[in-house]
């Protein structure tokens, strides 16, 4: 499942594609954490559940990525991967596989401060779904 980095004045973002909505949300989490560190250096030590809601699918994507980013900013945990357990238009439940940050093992590429609504979108395509999100760095 591909994604690309979007250059944005003083910020950065991602454009993600996936065949299903659940896959897109999992891929967006991976893309977020690939901006933060080298995921190949993370061996997850445990899993935890994240549940979020939103007023629509785009808001849900923003809130999902904010919930994932909170693991990093508040708890110094890196997410290696995510599995969406259940997703609806305005709610999701996911398992994220995490490891505590170790500055000796985990380089920090970018310090993402926030997930923004600027130009955020989520839409169906002929091949599945596409989403776009800008991060405040």
N, C-alpha and C. Protein backbone atom coordinates (compact mmCIF):
# COMPACT_ATOMS: atom_id res chain seq x y z
N UNK A 1 0.85 -1.18 0.00
CA UNK A 1 0.00 0.00 0.00
C UNK A 1 0.89 1.24 0.00
N UNK A 2 0.77 2.03 -1.01
CA UNK A 2 1.70 3.15 -1.15
C UNK A 2 1.24 4.43 -0.45
N UNK A 3 2.22 5.29 -0.27
CA UNK A 3 1.95 6.66 0.14
C UNK A 3 3.08 7.51 -0.41
N UNK A 4 2.85 8.81 -0.44
CA UNK A 4 3.90 9.73 -0.82
C UNK A 4 3.90 10.89 0.15
N UNK A 5 5.08 11.48 0.30
CA UNK A 5 5.23 12.64 1.16
C UNK A 5 4.86 13.87 0.35
N UNK A 6 4.10 14.76 0.98
CA UNK A 6 3.69 16.01 0.35
C UNK A 6 4.50 17.14 0.97
N UNK A 7 5.21 17.88 0.16
CA UNK A 7 5.91 19.07 0.66
C UNK A 7 4.90 20.19 0.84
N UNK A 8 5.03 20.89 1.94
CA UNK A 8 4.14 21.99 2.25
C UNK A 8 4.96 23.05 2.98
N UNK A 9 4.72 24.30 2.71
CA UNK A 9 5.50 25.38 3.32
C UNK A 9 5.60 25.19 4.82
N UNK A 10 6.82 24.98 5.31
CA UNK A 10 7.15 24.83 6.74
C UNK A 10 6.51 23.60 7.39
N UNK A 11 5.82 22.79 6.63
CA UNK A 11 5.19 21.59 7.16
C UNK A 11 5.47 20.43 6.22
N UNK A 12 4.88 19.29 6.52
CA UNK A 12 4.97 18.13 5.63
C UNK A 12 3.65 17.39 5.69
N UNK A 13 3.43 16.51 4.77
CA UNK A 13 2.18 15.76 4.77
C UNK A 13 2.33 14.45 4.04
N UNK A 14 1.22 13.73 3.98
CA UNK A 14 1.19 12.44 3.29
C UNK A 14 -0.05 12.34 2.42
N UNK A 15 0.09 11.63 1.32
CA UNK A 15 -1.03 11.23 0.47
C UNK A 15 -0.96 9.71 0.45
N UNK A 16 -2.05 9.07 0.86
CA UNK A 16 -2.06 7.62 1.06
C UNK A 16 -3.13 6.99 0.17
N UNK A 17 -2.82 5.80 -0.37
CA UNK A 17 -3.79 5.03 -1.15
C UNK A 17 -3.89 3.64 -0.56
N UNK A 18 -5.10 3.08 -0.61
CA UNK A 18 -5.29 1.70 -0.15
C UNK A 18 -6.59 1.16 -0.73
N UNK A 19 -6.69 -0.16 -0.83
CA UNK A 19 -7.89 -0.76 -1.41
C UNK A 19 -9.12 -0.67 -0.51
N UNK A 20 -8.91 -0.61 0.81
CA UNK A 20 -10.05 -0.51 1.74
C UNK A 20 -9.83 0.65 2.69
N UNK A 21 -10.90 1.10 3.30
CA UNK A 21 -10.80 2.19 4.26
C UNK A 21 -9.95 1.78 5.46
N UNK A 22 -10.13 0.56 5.95
CA UNK A 22 -9.32 0.08 7.07
C UNK A 22 -7.84 0.06 6.71
N UNK A 23 -7.51 -0.40 5.52
CA UNK A 23 -6.12 -0.42 5.08
C UNK A 23 -5.55 1.00 4.98
N UNK A 24 -6.36 1.94 4.51
CA UNK A 24 -5.89 3.31 4.40
C UNK A 24 -5.54 3.88 5.78
N UNK A 25 -6.37 3.62 6.78
CA UNK A 25 -6.09 4.13 8.12
C UNK A 25 -4.82 3.50 8.69
N UNK A 26 -4.64 2.21 8.49
CA UNK A 26 -3.42 1.55 8.96
C UNK A 26 -2.19 2.10 8.23
N UNK A 27 -2.31 2.29 6.93
CA UNK A 27 -1.20 2.82 6.14
C UNK A 27 -0.87 4.26 6.54
N UNK A 28 -1.88 5.05 6.83
CA UNK A 28 -1.65 6.43 7.26
C UNK A 28 -0.87 6.47 8.57
N UNK A 29 -1.17 5.56 9.47
CA UNK A 29 -0.41 5.47 10.73
C UNK A 29 1.05 5.12 10.43
N UNK A 30 1.26 4.14 9.57
CA UNK A 30 2.63 3.76 9.20
C UNK A 30 3.36 4.93 8.57
N UNK A 31 2.70 5.63 7.67
CA UNK A 31 3.32 6.77 6.99
C UNK A 31 3.67 7.87 7.99
N UNK A 32 2.80 8.12 8.95
CA UNK A 32 3.07 9.10 10.00
C UNK A 32 4.35 8.74 10.74
N UNK A 33 4.45 7.49 11.20
CA UNK A 33 5.61 7.11 11.99
C UNK A 33 6.87 6.94 11.16
N UNK A 34 6.75 6.72 9.86
CA UNK A 34 7.93 6.71 9.00
C UNK A 34 8.50 8.12 8.84
N UNK A 35 7.70 9.14 9.06
CA UNK A 35 8.22 10.50 9.05
C UNK A 35 8.99 10.79 10.34
N UNK A 36 8.66 10.06 11.40
CA UNK A 36 9.27 10.29 12.71
C UNK A 36 10.56 9.49 12.88
N UNK A 37 10.57 8.22 12.47
CA UNK A 37 11.73 7.36 12.72
C UNK A 37 11.84 6.26 11.68
N UNK A 38 12.86 5.45 11.80
CA UNK A 38 13.09 4.29 10.93
C UNK A 38 12.32 3.11 11.52
N UNK A 39 11.22 2.75 10.90
CA UNK A 39 10.39 1.66 11.44
C UNK A 39 11.11 0.32 11.44
N UNK A 40 12.13 0.17 10.61
CA UNK A 40 12.90 -1.08 10.61
C UNK A 40 13.69 -1.28 11.90
N UNK A 41 13.86 -0.21 12.66
CA UNK A 41 14.58 -0.29 13.93
C UNK A 41 13.66 -0.57 15.12
N UNK A 42 12.37 -0.72 14.85
CA UNK A 42 11.40 -0.94 15.93
C UNK A 42 10.95 -2.39 15.93
N UNK A 43 11.11 -3.02 17.06
CA UNK A 43 10.51 -4.33 17.30
C UNK A 43 9.48 -4.11 18.38
N UNK A 44 8.21 -4.29 18.03
CA UNK A 44 7.17 -3.97 19.00
C UNK A 44 7.26 -4.87 20.23
N UNK A 45 6.95 -4.29 21.37
CA UNK A 45 7.00 -5.04 22.63
C UNK A 45 5.62 -5.33 23.19
N UNK A 46 4.64 -4.55 22.78
CA UNK A 46 3.28 -4.82 23.23
C UNK A 46 2.26 -4.15 22.30
N UNK A 47 1.01 -4.52 22.50
CA UNK A 47 -0.08 -3.96 21.72
C UNK A 47 -1.05 -3.26 22.66
N UNK A 48 -1.73 -2.27 22.12
CA UNK A 48 -2.76 -1.59 22.89
C UNK A 48 -3.86 -1.15 21.95
N UNK A 49 -5.00 -0.82 22.52
CA UNK A 49 -6.16 -0.44 21.74
C UNK A 49 -6.29 1.08 21.71
N UNK A 50 -6.61 1.60 20.55
CA UNK A 50 -6.97 3.01 20.39
C UNK A 50 -8.35 3.06 19.75
N UNK A 51 -9.24 3.82 20.36
CA UNK A 51 -10.57 4.06 19.80
C UNK A 51 -10.73 5.56 19.61
N UNK A 52 -11.22 5.97 18.45
CA UNK A 52 -11.47 7.38 18.18
C UNK A 52 -12.78 7.53 17.43
N UNK A 53 -13.32 8.75 17.50
CA UNK A 53 -14.50 9.05 16.71
C UNK A 53 -14.30 10.36 15.99
N UNK A 54 -15.19 10.67 15.07
CA UNK A 54 -15.13 11.90 14.29
C UNK A 54 -16.50 12.23 13.75
N UNK A 55 -16.65 13.42 13.22
CA UNK A 55 -17.95 13.81 12.70
C UNK A 55 -18.20 13.28 11.28
N UNK A 56 -17.12 12.91 10.60
CA UNK A 56 -17.21 12.28 9.28
C UNK A 56 -15.91 11.50 9.06
N UNK A 57 -15.74 10.90 7.88
CA UNK A 57 -14.55 10.08 7.64
C UNK A 57 -13.25 10.87 7.68
N UNK A 58 -13.25 12.06 7.13
CA UNK A 58 -12.03 12.87 7.15
C UNK A 58 -11.67 13.26 8.57
N UNK A 59 -12.65 13.68 9.34
CA UNK A 59 -12.41 14.01 10.75
C UNK A 59 -11.93 12.77 11.51
N UNK A 60 -12.48 11.62 11.17
CA UNK A 60 -12.04 10.37 11.80
C UNK A 60 -10.57 10.10 11.49
N UNK A 61 -10.15 10.32 10.25
CA UNK A 61 -8.75 10.13 9.88
C UNK A 61 -7.85 11.08 10.67
N UNK A 62 -8.24 12.33 10.76
CA UNK A 62 -7.45 13.31 11.53
C UNK A 62 -7.35 12.86 12.99
N UNK A 63 -8.48 12.51 13.59
CA UNK A 63 -8.49 12.11 15.00
C UNK A 63 -7.72 10.81 15.23
N UNK A 64 -7.78 9.90 14.28
CA UNK A 64 -7.01 8.66 14.35
C UNK A 64 -5.51 8.97 14.38
N UNK A 65 -5.06 9.80 13.46
CA UNK A 65 -3.64 10.13 13.43
C UNK A 65 -3.23 10.94 14.66
N UNK A 66 -4.12 11.76 15.16
CA UNK A 66 -3.84 12.49 16.41
C UNK A 66 -3.70 11.51 17.58
N UNK A 67 -4.56 10.51 17.62
CA UNK A 67 -4.46 9.49 18.67
C UNK A 67 -3.15 8.72 18.57
N UNK A 68 -2.74 8.40 17.35
CA UNK A 68 -1.46 7.71 17.15
C UNK A 68 -0.30 8.62 17.55
N UNK A 69 -0.34 9.86 17.13
CA UNK A 69 0.73 10.80 17.45
C UNK A 69 0.84 11.02 18.97
N UNK A 70 -0.27 10.93 19.66
CA UNK A 70 -0.26 11.08 21.12
C UNK A 70 0.62 10.02 21.78
N UNK A 71 0.68 8.83 21.21
CA UNK A 71 1.58 7.80 21.75
C UNK A 71 3.02 8.29 21.76
N UNK A 72 3.40 9.02 20.73
CA UNK A 72 4.76 9.55 20.64
C UNK A 72 4.95 10.76 21.55
N UNK A 73 4.07 11.75 21.42
CA UNK A 73 4.29 13.02 22.12
C UNK A 73 4.05 12.92 23.62
N UNK A 74 3.10 12.13 24.04
CA UNK A 74 2.78 12.05 25.48
C UNK A 74 3.46 10.89 26.19
N UNK A 75 3.68 9.80 25.46
CA UNK A 75 4.18 8.58 26.12
C UNK A 75 5.53 8.11 25.62
N UNK A 76 6.10 8.81 24.63
CA UNK A 76 7.39 8.41 24.06
C UNK A 76 7.39 6.95 23.58
N UNK A 77 6.26 6.57 22.96
CA UNK A 77 6.15 5.24 22.36
C UNK A 77 6.02 5.40 20.84
N UNK A 78 6.69 4.51 20.13
CA UNK A 78 6.66 4.49 18.68
C UNK A 78 5.74 3.37 18.21
N UNK A 79 4.91 3.65 17.25
CA UNK A 79 4.00 2.64 16.70
C UNK A 79 4.67 2.01 15.49
N UNK A 80 4.87 0.72 15.55
CA UNK A 80 5.45 -0.04 14.44
C UNK A 80 4.41 -0.32 13.37
N UNK A 81 3.19 -0.68 13.81
CA UNK A 81 2.11 -0.98 12.87
C UNK A 81 0.77 -0.87 13.58
N UNK A 82 -0.28 -0.89 12.78
CA UNK A 82 -1.64 -0.81 13.33
C UNK A 82 -2.53 -1.78 12.58
N UNK A 83 -3.50 -2.32 13.30
CA UNK A 83 -4.52 -3.18 12.70
C UNK A 83 -5.87 -2.61 13.07
N UNK A 84 -6.63 -2.24 12.07
CA UNK A 84 -7.96 -1.69 12.32
C UNK A 84 -8.89 -2.87 12.61
N UNK A 85 -9.46 -2.88 13.80
CA UNK A 85 -10.36 -3.96 14.22
C UNK A 85 -11.76 -3.73 13.66
N UNK A 86 -12.25 -2.50 13.81
CA UNK A 86 -13.58 -2.16 13.30
C UNK A 86 -13.56 -0.69 12.91
N UNK A 87 -14.19 -0.39 11.78
CA UNK A 87 -14.27 1.00 11.33
C UNK A 87 -15.66 1.26 10.78
N UNK A 88 -16.18 2.41 11.16
CA UNK A 88 -17.46 2.91 10.64
C UNK A 88 -17.20 4.32 10.12
N UNK A 89 -18.22 4.98 9.63
CA UNK A 89 -18.02 6.33 9.09
C UNK A 89 -17.50 7.31 10.13
N UNK A 90 -17.86 7.13 11.40
CA UNK A 90 -17.50 8.12 12.42
C UNK A 90 -16.82 7.51 13.65
N UNK A 91 -16.37 6.26 13.57
CA UNK A 91 -15.76 5.60 14.73
C UNK A 91 -14.83 4.49 14.27
N UNK A 92 -13.75 4.30 15.03
CA UNK A 92 -12.91 3.14 14.76
C UNK A 92 -12.27 2.62 16.04
N UNK A 93 -11.94 1.34 15.98
CA UNK A 93 -11.17 0.68 17.04
C UNK A 93 -9.99 0.01 16.35
N UNK A 94 -8.81 0.19 16.93
CA UNK A 94 -7.60 -0.38 16.33
C UNK A 94 -6.67 -0.90 17.41
N UNK A 95 -5.84 -1.84 17.02
CA UNK A 95 -4.72 -2.31 17.86
C UNK A 95 -3.47 -1.73 17.25
N UNK A 96 -2.67 -1.11 18.08
CA UNK A 96 -1.38 -0.59 17.63
C UNK A 96 -0.29 -1.36 18.34
N UNK A 97 0.79 -1.60 17.62
CA UNK A 97 1.90 -2.39 18.13
C UNK A 97 3.06 -1.44 18.36
N UNK A 98 3.46 -1.30 19.61
CA UNK A 98 4.34 -0.22 20.03
C UNK A 98 5.60 -0.69 20.72
N UNK A 99 6.54 0.24 20.83
CA UNK A 99 7.76 0.05 21.60
C UNK A 99 8.15 1.39 22.18
N UNK A 100 8.68 1.37 23.37
CA UNK A 100 9.17 2.60 23.99
C UNK A 100 10.34 3.14 23.18
N UNK A 101 10.39 4.45 23.04
CA UNK A 101 11.46 5.13 22.32
C UNK A 101 12.78 4.92 23.05
N UNK A 102 13.81 4.56 22.29
CA UNK A 102 15.17 4.43 22.81
C UNK A 102 16.06 5.29 21.92
N UNK A 103 16.56 6.41 22.43
CA UNK A 103 17.36 7.30 21.58
C UNK A 103 18.62 6.65 21.02
N UNK A 104 19.08 5.57 21.62
CA UNK A 104 20.25 4.85 21.10
C UNK A 104 19.90 4.01 19.87
N UNK A 105 18.63 3.62 19.75
CA UNK A 105 18.20 2.74 18.65
C UNK A 105 17.32 3.42 17.61
N UNK A 106 16.63 4.48 18.01
CA UNK A 106 15.60 5.07 17.16
C UNK A 106 15.95 6.51 16.77
N UNK A 107 16.43 6.71 15.56
CA UNK A 107 16.71 8.07 15.11
C UNK A 107 15.40 8.86 14.98
N UNK A 108 15.45 10.14 15.24
CA UNK A 108 14.28 11.00 15.06
C UNK A 108 14.50 11.82 13.80
N UNK A 109 13.69 11.56 12.78
CA UNK A 109 13.80 12.27 11.51
C UNK A 109 13.09 13.62 11.57
N UNK A 110 11.89 13.63 12.15
CA UNK A 110 11.09 14.85 12.23
C UNK A 110 10.30 14.83 13.52
N UNK A 111 10.16 16.00 14.11
CA UNK A 111 9.34 16.13 15.30
C UNK A 111 7.99 16.68 14.87
N UNK A 112 7.06 15.79 14.64
CA UNK A 112 5.73 16.21 14.22
C UNK A 112 4.96 16.67 15.45
N UNK A 113 4.50 17.92 15.39
CA UNK A 113 3.80 18.52 16.53
C UNK A 113 2.31 18.29 16.49
N UNK A 114 1.72 18.24 15.29
CA UNK A 114 0.26 18.13 15.20
C UNK A 114 -0.16 17.60 13.84
N UNK A 115 -1.36 17.04 13.83
CA UNK A 115 -2.03 16.64 12.60
C UNK A 115 -3.07 17.73 12.35
N UNK A 116 -3.04 18.34 11.17
CA UNK A 116 -3.89 19.50 10.91
C UNK A 116 -5.07 19.16 9.98
N UNK A 117 -6.03 20.08 9.97
CA UNK A 117 -7.16 19.97 9.05
C UNK A 117 -6.86 20.61 7.70
N UNK A 118 -5.74 21.33 7.59
CA UNK A 118 -5.41 22.04 6.35
C UNK A 118 -5.34 21.07 5.17
N UNK A 119 -6.21 21.27 4.19
CA UNK A 119 -6.27 20.45 2.97
C UNK A 119 -6.53 18.97 3.23
N UNK A 120 -6.96 18.61 4.42
CA UNK A 120 -7.24 17.20 4.71
C UNK A 120 -8.41 16.73 3.87
N UNK A 121 -8.28 15.52 3.35
CA UNK A 121 -9.40 14.93 2.62
C UNK A 121 -9.28 13.43 2.60
N UNK A 122 -10.39 12.81 2.40
CA UNK A 122 -10.49 11.35 2.31
C UNK A 122 -11.59 11.06 1.31
N UNK A 123 -11.28 10.28 0.29
CA UNK A 123 -12.29 10.05 -0.74
C UNK A 123 -12.10 8.69 -1.39
N UNK A 124 -13.23 8.12 -1.87
CA UNK A 124 -13.13 6.87 -2.62
C UNK A 124 -12.53 7.12 -4.00
N UNK A 125 -11.83 6.12 -4.52
CA UNK A 125 -11.28 6.18 -5.87
C UNK A 125 -11.72 4.92 -6.60
N UNK A 126 -11.35 4.81 -7.85
CA UNK A 126 -11.71 3.62 -8.61
C UNK A 126 -10.98 2.38 -8.09
N UNK A 127 -9.87 2.58 -7.36
CA UNK A 127 -9.09 1.46 -6.82
C UNK A 127 -9.21 1.30 -5.31
N UNK A 128 -10.08 2.07 -4.66
CA UNK A 128 -10.21 1.97 -3.22
C UNK A 128 -10.41 3.33 -2.59
N UNK A 129 -9.37 3.79 -1.85
CA UNK A 129 -9.46 5.04 -1.09
C UNK A 129 -8.17 5.84 -1.21
N UNK A 130 -8.30 7.16 -1.10
CA UNK A 130 -7.16 8.06 -1.04
C UNK A 130 -7.40 9.07 0.08
N UNK A 131 -6.33 9.32 0.84
CA UNK A 131 -6.41 10.32 1.90
C UNK A 131 -5.21 11.23 1.86
N UNK A 132 -5.39 12.45 2.34
CA UNK A 132 -4.30 13.42 2.37
C UNK A 132 -4.37 14.19 3.68
N UNK A 133 -3.22 14.33 4.33
CA UNK A 133 -3.14 15.00 5.64
C UNK A 133 -1.84 15.78 5.69
N UNK A 134 -1.90 16.97 6.30
CA UNK A 134 -0.71 17.80 6.52
C UNK A 134 -0.35 17.75 8.00
N UNK A 135 0.96 17.63 8.28
CA UNK A 135 1.47 17.61 9.65
C UNK A 135 2.20 18.91 9.94
N UNK A 136 2.00 19.42 11.13
CA UNK A 136 2.74 20.58 11.61
C UNK A 136 4.04 20.10 12.22
N UNK A 137 5.17 20.55 11.66
CA UNK A 137 6.48 20.13 12.17
C UNK A 137 7.21 21.30 12.82
